[in-house]
Amino acid sequence: MTLRPDRNTPTRGPRSLIRASIAMPVLVALAACNGTQSGESVVEGTVHVCSSCHGLEGRSISPTFPNLAGQPHDYLVAQLKAFRDHTRADPHAHTYMWGMAATLSDATIDGVATYYAAQSPAAPTPGDPGSIAAGKTIFAEGVPDRAVPVCANCHGEKAAGADAIPRLASQHPGYIADQLVNFASLARNNEIMHENSINLTPEEIRQVAAYVGSL
């Protein structure tokens, strides 16, 4: 099977080619599962593949790969379909997830999302108390003089998310910070989050990330 990039796919350098060579056997395995096994077996096999990056039951040990455990079902479905359809194109999405999601059917996506939504969330990440306190203020109050809204209005007081709104609580602070930078630069195209993040300073981004990661 040959993967053909579309016209908007960035030129691949040596690191991307290495990642692609590693991912290809997994991608072929997923395609085989989708074609020959029962729906339940496909979901189990897909979750097993996901665990190599996202950790046992969706609790990742690397900030490169987000925790999936406890994420809302609808959010996971939306993101997996966006990876599959190439409508989410931030750097890590393109490098890791476009290929991994390419063969997933809607039924498999629903099953994977159901599995991870039912798992217990990851443990909080300890951090600098001053940064966490500053991040809590931004999360709960926003930054009114720069039109930064209250994060809790959408993500909930405990940052647990709901429906298509992601859980931020106990997510890797480094991952949260990277995504806020992606939203601000439109590397990850989301109009609402672009407006919410573009006026945050780099330090404020780190503070918010430290706070939600500590929950």
N, C-alpha and C. Protein backbone atom coordinates (compact mmCIF):
# COMPACT_ATOMS: atom_id res chain seq x y z
N MET A 1 0.85 -1.20 0.00
CA MET A 1 0.00 0.00 0.00
C MET A 1 0.88 1.23 0.00
N THR A 2 0.57 2.20 -0.86
CA THR A 2 1.35 3.43 -0.94
C THR A 2 0.50 4.59 -0.48
N LEU A 3 1.00 5.39 0.45
CA LEU A 3 0.32 6.58 0.91
C LEU A 3 0.72 7.74 0.03
N ARG A 4 -0.23 8.43 -0.54
CA ARG A 4 0.06 9.55 -1.41
C ARG A 4 -0.35 10.85 -0.73
N PRO A 5 0.60 11.74 -0.48
CA PRO A 5 0.25 13.01 0.15
C PRO A 5 -0.57 13.88 -0.79
N ASP A 6 -1.48 14.69 -0.21
CA ASP A 6 -2.20 15.62 -1.06
C ASP A 6 -1.32 16.83 -1.36
N ARG A 7 -1.83 17.77 -2.12
CA ARG A 7 -1.02 18.89 -2.56
C ARG A 7 -0.57 19.78 -1.42
N ASN A 8 -1.30 19.73 -0.30
CA ASN A 8 -0.97 20.60 0.82
C ASN A 8 -0.06 19.92 1.85
N THR A 9 0.30 18.67 1.60
CA THR A 9 1.14 17.96 2.56
C THR A 9 2.55 18.50 2.54
N PRO A 10 3.12 18.87 3.71
CA PRO A 10 4.48 19.41 3.73
C PRO A 10 5.49 18.39 3.23
N THR A 11 6.57 18.89 2.65
CA THR A 11 7.64 18.02 2.20
C THR A 11 8.24 17.30 3.38
N ARG A 12 8.49 16.02 3.25
CA ARG A 12 8.98 15.22 4.36
C ARG A 12 10.50 15.25 4.41
N GLY A 13 11.03 15.49 5.59
CA GLY A 13 12.45 15.42 5.82
C GLY A 13 12.83 14.06 6.34
N PRO A 14 14.10 13.86 6.70
CA PRO A 14 14.55 12.55 7.17
C PRO A 14 13.79 12.03 8.37
N ARG A 15 13.49 12.91 9.36
CA ARG A 15 12.79 12.43 10.54
C ARG A 15 11.40 11.95 10.20
N SER A 16 10.71 12.68 9.30
CA SER A 16 9.36 12.26 8.90
C SER A 16 9.39 10.93 8.19
N LEU A 17 10.42 10.70 7.37
CA LEU A 17 10.52 9.43 6.67
C LEU A 17 10.77 8.28 7.65
N ILE A 18 11.58 8.53 8.67
CA ILE A 18 11.79 7.50 9.69
C ILE A 18 10.49 7.17 10.40
N ARG A 19 9.74 8.22 10.80
CA ARG A 19 8.46 7.98 11.48
C ARG A 19 7.50 7.23 10.58
N ALA A 20 7.49 7.59 9.30
CA ALA A 20 6.59 6.92 8.37
C ALA A 20 6.96 5.45 8.24
N SER A 21 8.27 5.13 8.19
CA SER A 21 8.69 3.74 8.08
C SER A 21 8.31 2.94 9.30
N ILE A 22 8.32 3.58 10.47
CA ILE A 22 7.91 2.90 11.69
C ILE A 22 6.40 2.68 11.71
N ALA A 23 5.65 3.69 11.26
CA ALA A 23 4.19 3.62 11.32
C ALA A 23 3.60 2.70 10.27
N MET A 24 4.28 2.50 9.15
CA MET A 24 3.67 1.76 8.04
C MET A 24 3.23 0.35 8.41
N PRO A 25 4.08 -0.47 9.11
CA PRO A 25 3.59 -1.81 9.46
C PRO A 25 2.34 -1.77 10.33
N VAL A 26 2.27 -0.79 11.22
CA VAL A 26 1.09 -0.65 12.08
C VAL A 26 -0.12 -0.30 11.24
N LEU A 27 0.06 0.60 10.29
CA LEU A 27 -1.03 1.02 9.42
C LEU A 27 -1.56 -0.14 8.60
N VAL A 28 -0.66 -0.96 8.07
CA VAL A 28 -1.06 -2.13 7.32
C VAL A 28 -1.84 -3.10 8.20
N ALA A 29 -1.37 -3.27 9.46
CA ALA A 29 -2.06 -4.16 10.40
C ALA A 29 -3.47 -3.67 10.68
N LEU A 30 -3.62 -2.35 10.87
CA LEU A 30 -4.95 -1.80 11.12
C LEU A 30 -5.86 -2.02 9.92
N ALA A 31 -5.33 -1.85 8.74
CA ALA A 31 -6.14 -2.07 7.53
C ALA A 31 -6.61 -3.52 7.45
N ALA A 32 -5.71 -4.45 7.78
CA ALA A 32 -6.07 -5.85 7.75
C ALA A 32 -7.16 -6.16 8.77
N CYS A 33 -7.01 -5.61 9.97
CA CYS A 33 -8.02 -5.82 11.00
C CYS A 33 -9.37 -5.32 10.57
N ASN A 34 -9.41 -4.13 9.98
CA ASN A 34 -10.68 -3.56 9.58
C ASN A 34 -11.34 -4.41 8.51
N GLY A 35 -10.53 -5.13 7.75
CA GLY A 35 -11.12 -5.89 6.66
C GLY A 35 -11.51 -7.31 7.03
N THR A 36 -10.93 -7.90 8.09
CA THR A 36 -11.12 -9.32 8.30
C THR A 36 -11.67 -9.70 9.66
N GLN A 37 -11.67 -8.83 10.62
CA GLN A 37 -12.07 -9.20 11.97
C GLN A 37 -13.41 -8.58 12.33
N SER A 38 -13.99 -9.09 13.44
CA SER A 38 -15.23 -8.52 13.94
C SER A 38 -14.99 -7.11 14.45
N GLY A 39 -16.08 -6.35 14.60
CA GLY A 39 -15.96 -4.98 15.07
C GLY A 39 -15.29 -4.89 16.42
N GLU A 40 -15.65 -5.78 17.35
CA GLU A 40 -15.06 -5.76 18.68
C GLU A 40 -13.58 -6.05 18.62
N SER A 41 -13.18 -7.02 17.80
CA SER A 41 -11.76 -7.35 17.67
C SER A 41 -10.97 -6.20 17.06
N VAL A 42 -11.58 -5.51 16.09
CA VAL A 42 -10.91 -4.38 15.46
C VAL A 42 -10.65 -3.28 16.49
N VAL A 43 -11.66 -2.99 17.31
CA VAL A 43 -11.49 -1.96 18.33
C VAL A 43 -10.39 -2.37 19.30
N GLU A 44 -10.40 -3.63 19.75
CA GLU A 44 -9.36 -4.09 20.67
C GLU A 44 -7.98 -3.99 20.04
N GLY A 45 -7.86 -4.37 18.78
CA GLY A 45 -6.58 -4.29 18.10
C GLY A 45 -6.12 -2.86 17.92
N THR A 46 -7.06 -1.97 17.61
CA THR A 46 -6.72 -0.57 17.42
C THR A 46 -6.25 0.06 18.73
N VAL A 47 -6.97 -0.24 19.82
CA VAL A 47 -6.57 0.27 21.13
C VAL A 47 -5.18 -0.23 21.49
N HIS A 48 -4.89 -1.48 21.17
CA HIS A 48 -3.56 -2.02 21.45
C HIS A 48 -2.49 -1.23 20.71
N VAL A 49 -2.75 -0.89 19.46
CA VAL A 49 -1.80 -0.09 18.69
C VAL A 49 -1.67 1.31 19.30
N CYS A 50 -2.79 1.90 19.68
CA CYS A 50 -2.77 3.24 20.27
C CYS A 50 -1.92 3.28 21.53
N SER A 51 -1.94 2.18 22.28
CA SER A 51 -1.25 2.16 23.58
C SER A 51 0.26 2.32 23.43
N SER A 52 0.81 2.04 22.25
CA SER A 52 2.25 2.18 22.07
C SER A 52 2.70 3.62 22.23
N CYS A 53 1.83 4.58 21.96
CA CYS A 53 2.14 6.00 22.16
C CYS A 53 1.36 6.61 23.31
N HIS A 54 0.08 6.26 23.41
CA HIS A 54 -0.80 6.91 24.38
C HIS A 54 -0.87 6.19 25.73
N GLY A 55 -0.16 5.09 25.85
CA GLY A 55 -0.04 4.44 27.13
C GLY A 55 -1.17 3.48 27.45
N LEU A 56 -0.94 2.69 28.48
CA LEU A 56 -1.94 1.72 28.93
C LEU A 56 -3.22 2.43 29.33
N GLU A 57 -4.33 2.02 28.73
CA GLU A 57 -5.66 2.59 28.99
C GLU A 57 -5.70 4.09 28.71
N GLY A 58 -4.79 4.57 27.86
CA GLY A 58 -4.84 5.96 27.44
C GLY A 58 -4.15 6.94 28.36
N ARG A 59 -3.29 6.42 29.25
CA ARG A 59 -2.54 7.29 30.14
C ARG A 59 -1.09 7.32 29.67
N SER A 60 -0.75 8.36 28.97
CA SER A 60 0.53 8.48 28.29
C SER A 60 1.64 8.87 29.26
N ILE A 61 2.88 8.47 28.93
CA ILE A 61 4.02 8.87 29.75
C ILE A 61 4.84 9.97 29.08
N SER A 62 4.46 10.37 27.88
CA SER A 62 5.21 11.39 27.14
C SER A 62 4.31 12.56 26.79
N PRO A 63 4.76 13.80 27.02
CA PRO A 63 3.93 14.96 26.68
C PRO A 63 3.73 15.14 25.18
N THR A 64 4.51 14.42 24.37
CA THR A 64 4.27 14.46 22.93
C THR A 64 2.91 13.86 22.60
N PHE A 65 2.51 12.87 23.38
CA PHE A 65 1.27 12.14 23.11
C PHE A 65 0.28 12.39 24.24
N PRO A 66 -0.88 12.94 23.94
CA PRO A 66 -1.82 13.32 25.01
C PRO A 66 -2.44 12.12 25.70
N ASN A 67 -2.83 12.33 26.96
CA ASN A 67 -3.67 11.36 27.65
C ASN A 67 -5.03 11.32 26.98
N LEU A 68 -5.51 10.11 26.73
CA LEU A 68 -6.84 9.93 26.14
C LEU A 68 -7.85 9.46 27.18
N ALA A 69 -7.38 8.89 28.25
CA ALA A 69 -8.28 8.35 29.27
C ALA A 69 -9.16 9.44 29.87
N GLY A 70 -10.47 9.18 29.84
CA GLY A 70 -11.41 10.12 30.43
C GLY A 70 -11.82 11.27 29.52
N GLN A 71 -11.28 11.31 28.29
CA GLN A 71 -11.72 12.35 27.36
C GLN A 71 -13.17 12.09 26.95
N PRO A 72 -13.97 13.14 26.72
CA PRO A 72 -15.34 12.93 26.29
C PRO A 72 -15.41 12.16 24.96
N HIS A 73 -16.35 11.27 24.87
CA HIS A 73 -16.53 10.45 23.67
C HIS A 73 -16.64 11.30 22.41
N ASP A 74 -17.48 12.33 22.43
CA ASP A 74 -17.72 13.12 21.22
C ASP A 74 -16.46 13.86 20.78
N TYR A 75 -15.67 14.30 21.72
CA TYR A 75 -14.42 14.97 21.37
C TYR A 75 -13.46 14.00 20.68
N LEU A 76 -13.33 12.80 21.23
CA LEU A 76 -12.44 11.81 20.62
C LEU A 76 -12.90 11.44 19.21
N VAL A 77 -14.19 11.27 19.03
CA VAL A 77 -14.71 10.97 17.70
C VAL A 77 -14.36 12.09 16.72
N ALA A 78 -14.60 13.32 17.14
CA ALA A 78 -14.33 14.46 16.25
C ALA A 78 -12.86 14.54 15.87
N GLN A 79 -11.96 14.30 16.83
CA GLN A 79 -10.54 14.40 16.53
C GLN A 79 -10.07 13.26 15.64
N LEU A 80 -10.51 12.06 15.90
CA LEU A 80 -10.10 10.93 15.05
C LEU A 80 -10.59 11.12 13.61
N LYS A 81 -11.79 11.62 13.45
CA LYS A 81 -12.29 11.88 12.09
C LYS A 81 -11.51 13.02 11.43
N ALA A 82 -11.12 14.01 12.22
CA ALA A 82 -10.33 15.11 11.67
C ALA A 82 -8.95 14.64 11.24
N PHE A 83 -8.35 13.71 12.01
CA PHE A 83 -7.08 13.13 11.59
C PHE A 83 -7.27 12.34 10.29
N ARG A 84 -8.30 11.53 10.26
CA ARG A 84 -8.54 10.68 9.09
C ARG A 84 -8.80 11.52 7.84
N ASP A 85 -9.53 12.64 8.02
CA ASP A 85 -9.92 13.47 6.89
C ASP A 85 -8.92 14.59 6.59
N HIS A 86 -7.86 14.65 7.39
CA HIS A 86 -6.80 15.67 7.23
C HIS A 86 -7.30 17.09 7.45
N THR A 87 -8.35 17.24 8.24
CA THR A 87 -8.84 18.59 8.56
C THR A 87 -8.23 19.12 9.85
N ARG A 88 -7.51 18.27 10.58
CA ARG A 88 -6.67 18.74 11.68
C ARG A 88 -5.23 18.54 11.24
N ALA A 89 -4.49 19.65 11.14
CA ALA A 89 -3.19 19.59 10.46
C ALA A 89 -2.06 20.20 11.24
N ASP A 90 -2.18 20.25 12.58
CA ASP A 90 -1.04 20.74 13.36
C ASP A 90 0.12 19.75 13.19
N PRO A 91 1.35 20.15 13.51
CA PRO A 91 2.51 19.32 13.16
C PRO A 91 2.44 17.88 13.64
N HIS A 92 2.07 17.65 14.91
CA HIS A 92 2.02 16.28 15.39
C HIS A 92 0.86 15.51 14.77
N ALA A 93 -0.23 16.18 14.48
CA ALA A 93 -1.34 15.51 13.81
C ALA A 93 -0.88 14.96 12.47
N HIS A 94 -0.19 15.80 11.71
CA HIS A 94 0.28 15.36 10.40
C HIS A 94 1.32 14.26 10.52
N THR A 95 2.27 14.43 11.44
CA THR A 95 3.38 13.49 11.55
C THR A 95 2.93 12.12 12.05
N TYR A 96 2.08 12.10 13.06
CA TYR A 96 1.73 10.85 13.71
C TYR A 96 0.35 10.31 13.35
N MET A 97 -0.64 11.18 13.26
CA MET A 97 -2.02 10.70 13.29
C MET A 97 -2.70 10.60 11.93
N TRP A 98 -2.26 11.32 10.94
CA TRP A 98 -2.91 11.19 9.64
C TRP A 98 -2.82 9.74 9.14
N GLY A 99 -1.64 9.20 9.19
CA GLY A 99 -1.48 7.81 8.74
C GLY A 99 -2.17 6.82 9.64
N MET A 100 -2.07 7.04 10.96
CA MET A 100 -2.64 6.08 11.90
C MET A 100 -4.16 6.00 11.80
N ALA A 101 -4.80 7.12 11.47
CA ALA A 101 -6.26 7.15 11.40
C ALA A 101 -6.81 6.86 10.01
N ALA A 102 -5.94 6.73 9.03
CA ALA A 102 -6.38 6.68 7.63
C ALA A 102 -7.34 5.54 7.33
N THR A 103 -7.18 4.39 8.00
CA THR A 103 -7.99 3.22 7.68
C THR A 103 -9.15 3.01 8.63
N LEU A 104 -9.33 3.89 9.60
CA LEU A 104 -10.35 3.66 10.62
C LEU A 104 -11.74 3.94 10.08
N SER A 105 -12.65 2.99 10.27
CA SER A 105 -14.05 3.20 9.91
C SER A 105 -14.74 4.02 10.98
N ASP A 106 -15.92 4.54 10.66
CA ASP A 106 -16.69 5.28 11.66
C ASP A 106 -17.01 4.40 12.87
N ALA A 107 -17.31 3.13 12.62
CA ALA A 107 -17.65 2.22 13.71
C ALA A 107 -16.45 1.99 14.62
N THR A 108 -15.27 1.84 14.03
CA THR A 108 -14.07 1.64 14.84
C THR A 108 -13.75 2.89 15.64
N ILE A 109 -13.88 4.05 15.02
CA ILE A 109 -13.66 5.31 15.73
C ILE A 109 -14.60 5.42 16.92
N ASP A 110 -15.86 5.09 16.71
CA ASP A 110 -16.82 5.15 17.81
C ASP A 110 -16.43 4.19 18.93
N GLY A 111 -16.00 2.99 18.57
CA GLY A 111 -15.61 2.02 19.59
C GLY A 111 -14.38 2.44 20.36
N VAL A 112 -13.39 2.99 19.66
CA VAL A 112 -12.17 3.46 20.33
C VAL A 112 -12.50 4.61 21.27
N ALA A 113 -13.35 5.54 20.80
CA ALA A 113 -13.74 6.67 21.64
C ALA A 113 -14.50 6.21 22.87
N THR A 114 -15.38 5.24 22.70
CA THR A 114 -16.14 4.71 23.83
C THR A 114 -15.20 4.08 24.85
N TYR A 115 -14.20 3.35 24.37
CA TYR A 115 -13.24 2.71 25.28
C TYR A 115 -12.48 3.75 26.10
N TYR A 116 -11.89 4.75 25.45
CA TYR A 116 -11.06 5.71 26.18
C TYR A 116 -11.90 6.62 27.08
N ALA A 117 -13.11 6.95 26.65
CA ALA A 117 -13.97 7.80 27.49
C ALA A 117 -14.31 7.12 28.81
N ALA A 118 -14.30 5.78 28.82
CA ALA A 118 -14.67 5.03 30.02
C ALA A 118 -13.50 4.79 30.97
N GLN A 119 -12.28 5.15 30.57
CA GLN A 119 -11.12 4.89 31.41
C GLN A 119 -10.92 5.98 32.47
N SER A 120 -10.31 5.61 33.56
CA SER A 120 -9.99 6.58 34.62
C SER A 120 -8.92 7.54 34.12
N PRO A 121 -9.10 8.84 34.34
CA PRO A 121 -8.10 9.81 33.87
C PRO A 121 -6.73 9.60 34.50
N ALA A 122 -5.73 10.17 33.86
CA ALA A 122 -4.37 10.11 34.37
C ALA A 122 -4.25 10.90 35.67
N ALA A 123 -3.19 10.63 36.40
CA ALA A 123 -2.92 11.37 37.64
C ALA A 123 -2.49 12.79 37.31
N PRO A 124 -2.77 13.74 38.19
CA PRO A 124 -2.32 15.13 37.99
C PRO A 124 -0.80 15.22 37.92
N THR A 125 -0.32 16.30 37.30
CA THR A 125 1.11 16.56 37.21
C THR A 125 1.48 17.67 38.19
N PRO A 126 2.33 17.39 39.17
CA PRO A 126 2.76 18.45 40.09
C PRO A 126 3.54 19.52 39.32
N GLY A 127 3.50 20.73 39.85
CA GLY A 127 4.21 21.82 39.20
C GLY A 127 4.57 22.92 40.17
N ASP A 128 5.13 23.99 39.65
CA ASP A 128 5.49 25.13 40.47
C ASP A 128 4.24 25.78 41.04
N PRO A 129 4.14 25.92 42.36
CA PRO A 129 2.91 26.47 42.96
C PRO A 129 2.56 27.87 42.44
N GLY A 130 3.56 28.71 42.20
CA GLY A 130 3.28 30.05 41.71
C GLY A 130 2.68 30.04 40.32
N SER A 131 3.22 29.19 39.45
CA SER A 131 2.68 29.08 38.09
C SER A 131 1.27 28.51 38.11
N ILE A 132 1.07 27.52 38.95
CA ILE A 132 -0.26 26.91 39.05
C ILE A 132 -1.28 27.93 39.55
N ALA A 133 -0.92 28.72 40.54
CA ALA A 133 -1.84 29.73 41.07
C ALA A 133 -2.17 30.78 40.01
N ALA A 134 -1.15 31.22 39.27
CA ALA A 134 -1.39 32.21 38.22
C ALA A 134 -2.27 31.62 37.12
N GLY A 135 -2.03 30.37 36.78
CA GLY A 135 -2.85 29.72 35.77
C GLY A 135 -4.28 29.55 36.20
N LYS A 136 -4.48 29.27 37.48
CA LYS A 136 -5.84 29.14 38.01
C LYS A 136 -6.61 30.44 37.85
N THR A 137 -5.94 31.56 38.08
CA THR A 137 -6.61 32.87 37.94
C THR A 137 -7.02 33.10 36.49
N ILE A 138 -6.14 32.79 35.56
CA ILE A 138 -6.48 32.95 34.14
C ILE A 138 -7.63 32.03 33.76
N PHE A 139 -7.57 30.79 34.21
CA PHE A 139 -8.60 29.80 33.87
C PHE A 139 -9.96 30.23 34.40
N ALA A 140 -9.98 30.77 35.61
CA ALA A 140 -11.25 31.10 36.27
C ALA A 140 -11.75 32.50 35.95
N GLU A 141 -10.83 33.41 35.59
CA GLU A 141 -11.23 34.81 35.42
C GLU A 141 -10.91 35.37 34.03
N GLY A 142 -10.11 34.68 33.26
CA GLY A 142 -9.67 35.20 31.98
C GLY A 142 -8.68 36.33 32.18
N VAL A 143 -8.45 37.07 31.08
CA VAL A 143 -7.62 38.28 31.13
C VAL A 143 -8.45 39.37 30.47
N PRO A 144 -9.34 40.03 31.22
CA PRO A 144 -10.32 40.93 30.61
C PRO A 144 -9.73 42.05 29.77
N ASP A 145 -8.59 42.62 30.18
CA ASP A 145 -8.06 43.76 29.44
C ASP A 145 -7.46 43.36 28.09
N ARG A 146 -7.32 42.04 27.84
CA ARG A 146 -6.85 41.57 26.54
C ARG A 146 -7.86 40.64 25.88
N ALA A 147 -9.07 40.68 26.34
CA ALA A 147 -10.18 39.91 25.75
C ALA A 147 -9.93 38.40 25.76
N VAL A 148 -9.20 37.94 26.78
CA VAL A 148 -9.02 36.49 26.96
C VAL A 148 -10.16 36.00 27.84
N PRO A 149 -11.02 35.12 27.32
CA PRO A 149 -12.21 34.73 28.09
C PRO A 149 -11.90 33.76 29.21
N VAL A 150 -12.91 33.49 30.01
CA VAL A 150 -12.81 32.52 31.11
C VAL A 150 -12.80 31.11 30.54
N CYS A 151 -11.74 30.38 30.75
CA CYS A 151 -11.62 29.02 30.22
C CYS A 151 -12.70 28.10 30.79
N ALA A 152 -13.03 28.32 32.06
CA ALA A 152 -13.99 27.45 32.74
C ALA A 152 -15.38 27.52 32.12
N ASN A 153 -15.67 28.59 31.40
CA ASN A 153 -17.00 28.71 30.79
C ASN A 153 -17.30 27.57 29.83
N CYS A 154 -16.29 27.08 29.14
CA CYS A 154 -16.48 25.97 28.21
C CYS A 154 -15.97 24.64 28.77
N HIS A 155 -14.80 24.68 29.41
CA HIS A 155 -14.16 23.44 29.84
C HIS A 155 -14.63 22.98 31.21
N GLY A 156 -15.42 23.81 31.91
CA GLY A 156 -15.94 23.44 33.22
C GLY A 156 -15.02 23.88 34.34
N GLU A 157 -15.57 24.04 35.52
CA GLU A 157 -14.79 24.52 36.66
C GLU A 157 -13.62 23.61 36.99
N LYS A 158 -13.77 22.33 36.76
CA LYS A 158 -12.71 21.37 37.05
C LYS A 158 -11.97 20.95 35.78
N ALA A 159 -12.24 21.65 34.68
CA ALA A 159 -11.57 21.39 33.39
C ALA A 159 -11.81 19.98 32.88
N ALA A 160 -12.97 19.41 33.22
CA ALA A 160 -13.27 18.03 32.82
C ALA A 160 -13.83 17.93 31.42
N GLY A 161 -14.24 19.06 30.79
CA GLY A 161 -14.81 19.02 29.45
C GLY A 161 -16.15 18.32 29.43
N ALA A 162 -16.77 18.29 28.25
CA ALA A 162 -18.05 17.61 28.05
C ALA A 162 -18.39 17.63 26.57
N ASP A 163 -19.00 16.55 26.10
CA ASP A 163 -19.41 16.44 24.70
C ASP A 163 -18.21 16.68 23.78
N ALA A 164 -18.25 17.72 22.95
CA ALA A 164 -17.15 17.98 22.02
C ALA A 164 -16.07 18.88 22.61
N ILE A 165 -16.20 19.24 23.88
CA ILE A 165 -15.20 20.08 24.56
C ILE A 165 -14.23 19.17 25.29
N PRO A 166 -12.92 19.29 25.03
CA PRO A 166 -11.98 18.33 25.62
C PRO A 166 -11.76 18.50 27.11
N ARG A 167 -11.41 17.39 27.72
CA ARG A 167 -10.93 17.40 29.11
C ARG A 167 -9.51 17.96 29.10
N LEU A 168 -9.26 18.97 29.94
CA LEU A 168 -7.91 19.51 30.11
C LEU A 168 -7.27 19.04 31.41
N ALA A 169 -8.08 18.71 32.37
CA ALA A 169 -7.59 18.29 33.68
C ALA A 169 -6.68 17.07 33.54
N SER A 170 -5.54 17.11 34.20
CA SER A 170 -4.53 16.05 34.24
C SER A 170 -3.90 15.75 32.88
N GLN A 171 -4.11 16.64 31.92
CA GLN A 171 -3.40 16.50 30.65
C GLN A 171 -1.95 16.95 30.83
N HIS A 172 -1.04 16.43 30.03
CA HIS A 172 0.35 16.86 30.11
C HIS A 172 0.46 18.37 29.91
N PRO A 173 1.04 19.11 30.84
CA PRO A 173 1.18 20.55 30.64
C PRO A 173 1.90 20.92 29.35
N GLY A 174 2.93 20.14 28.99
CA GLY A 174 3.64 20.43 27.75
C GLY A 174 2.76 20.29 26.53
N TYR A 175 1.87 19.31 26.55
CA TYR A 175 0.95 19.13 25.42
C TYR A 175 -0.04 20.28 25.35
N ILE A 176 -0.59 20.68 26.49
CA ILE A 176 -1.53 21.81 26.51
C ILE A 176 -0.85 23.07 25.99
N ALA A 177 0.35 23.34 26.44
CA ALA A 177 1.07 24.53 25.99
C ALA A 177 1.30 24.49 24.49
N ASP A 178 1.71 23.35 23.98
CA ASP A 178 1.94 23.22 22.53
C ASP A 178 0.66 23.49 21.74
N GLN A 179 -0.46 22.97 22.23
CA GLN A 179 -1.72 23.15 21.50
C GLN A 179 -2.18 24.61 21.54
N LEU A 180 -1.99 25.29 22.65
CA LEU A 180 -2.35 26.71 22.71
C LEU A 180 -1.50 27.52 21.72
N VAL A 181 -0.23 27.18 21.61
CA VAL A 181 0.62 27.84 20.61
C VAL A 181 0.13 27.52 19.20
N ASN A 182 -0.26 26.26 18.97
CA ASN A 182 -0.79 25.89 17.66
C ASN A 182 -2.07 26.63 17.33
N PHE A 183 -2.96 26.77 18.32
CA PHE A 183 -4.18 27.53 18.09
C PHE A 183 -3.86 28.99 17.77
N ALA A 184 -2.96 29.58 18.53
CA ALA A 184 -2.62 31.00 18.34
C ALA A 184 -2.05 31.25 16.95
N SER A 185 -1.25 30.31 16.45
CA SER A 185 -0.61 30.48 15.14
C SER A 185 -1.46 29.96 13.99
N LEU A 186 -2.59 29.32 14.31
CA LEU A 186 -3.47 28.68 13.34
C LEU A 186 -2.85 27.44 12.71
N ALA A 187 -1.76 26.93 13.32
CA ALA A 187 -1.27 25.63 12.89
C ALA A 187 -2.34 24.57 13.16
N ARG A 188 -3.10 24.76 14.23
CA ARG A 188 -4.30 23.97 14.49
C ARG A 188 -5.47 24.92 14.32
N ASN A 189 -6.24 24.70 13.30
CA ASN A 189 -7.24 25.67 12.87
C ASN A 189 -8.55 25.51 13.64
N ASN A 190 -8.75 26.39 14.60
CA ASN A 190 -9.99 26.42 15.37
C ASN A 190 -10.25 27.88 15.70
N GLU A 191 -11.26 28.46 15.09
CA GLU A 191 -11.48 29.91 15.19
C GLU A 191 -11.68 30.36 16.64
N ILE A 192 -12.47 29.60 17.40
CA ILE A 192 -12.75 30.00 18.77
C ILE A 192 -11.47 29.96 19.60
N MET A 193 -10.73 28.86 19.50
CA MET A 193 -9.51 28.74 20.30
C MET A 193 -8.41 29.68 19.81
N HIS A 194 -8.43 30.02 18.54
CA HIS A 194 -7.47 31.03 18.05
C HIS A 194 -7.71 32.36 18.75
N GLU A 195 -8.97 32.78 18.81
CA GLU A 195 -9.29 34.05 19.46
C GLU A 195 -9.01 33.99 20.97
N ASN A 196 -9.18 32.80 21.56
CA ASN A 196 -8.96 32.66 22.99
C ASN A 196 -7.49 32.64 23.38
N SER A 197 -6.64 32.20 22.47
CA SER A 197 -5.23 32.00 22.82
C SER A 197 -4.29 33.06 22.26
N ILE A 198 -4.71 33.77 21.23
CA ILE A 198 -3.78 34.66 20.53
C ILE A 198 -3.26 35.79 21.42
N ASN A 199 -4.03 36.18 22.43
CA ASN A 199 -3.60 37.29 23.29
C ASN A 199 -2.94 36.84 24.59
N LEU A 200 -2.70 35.55 24.72
CA LEU A 200 -1.96 35.05 25.87
C LEU A 200 -0.46 35.16 25.61
N THR A 201 0.28 35.56 26.62
CA THR A 201 1.73 35.59 26.51
C THR A 201 2.28 34.17 26.65
N PRO A 202 3.50 33.91 26.20
CA PRO A 202 4.09 32.58 26.40
C PRO A 202 4.08 32.15 27.87
N GLU A 203 4.36 33.08 28.77
CA GLU A 203 4.35 32.73 30.19
C GLU A 203 2.95 32.37 30.66
N GLU A 204 1.95 33.10 30.22
CA GLU A 204 0.57 32.78 30.60
C GLU A 204 0.14 31.44 30.05
N ILE A 205 0.58 31.10 28.85
CA ILE A 205 0.28 29.78 28.30
C ILE A 205 0.86 28.70 29.19
N ARG A 206 2.10 28.86 29.61
CA ARG A 206 2.71 27.87 30.50
C ARG A 206 1.98 27.80 31.83
N GLN A 207 1.50 28.94 32.33
CA GLN A 207 0.79 28.95 33.60
C GLN A 207 -0.55 28.21 33.51
N VAL A 208 -1.31 28.51 32.48
CA VAL A 208 -2.60 27.81 32.30
C VAL A 208 -2.36 26.31 32.15
N ALA A 209 -1.35 25.95 31.37
CA ALA A 209 -1.04 24.53 31.16
C ALA A 209 -0.66 23.86 32.47
N ALA A 210 0.13 24.56 33.29
CA ALA A 210 0.53 24.00 34.59
C ALA A 210 -0.68 23.80 35.49
N TYR A 211 -1.61 24.74 35.46
CA TYR A 211 -2.79 24.64 36.32
C TYR A 211 -3.67 23.45 35.92
N VAL A 212 -4.06 23.38 34.66
CA VAL A 212 -4.98 22.31 34.29
C VAL A 212 -4.30 20.95 34.42
N GLY A 213 -3.00 20.89 34.18
CA GLY A 213 -2.28 19.63 34.36
C GLY A 213 -2.25 19.18 35.80
N SER A 214 -2.37 20.13 36.72
CA SER A 214 -2.30 19.79 38.14
C SER A 214 -3.63 19.32 38.72
N LEU A 215 -4.71 19.40 37.94
CA LEU A 215 -6.03 19.05 38.46
C LEU A 215 -6.27 17.54 38.47
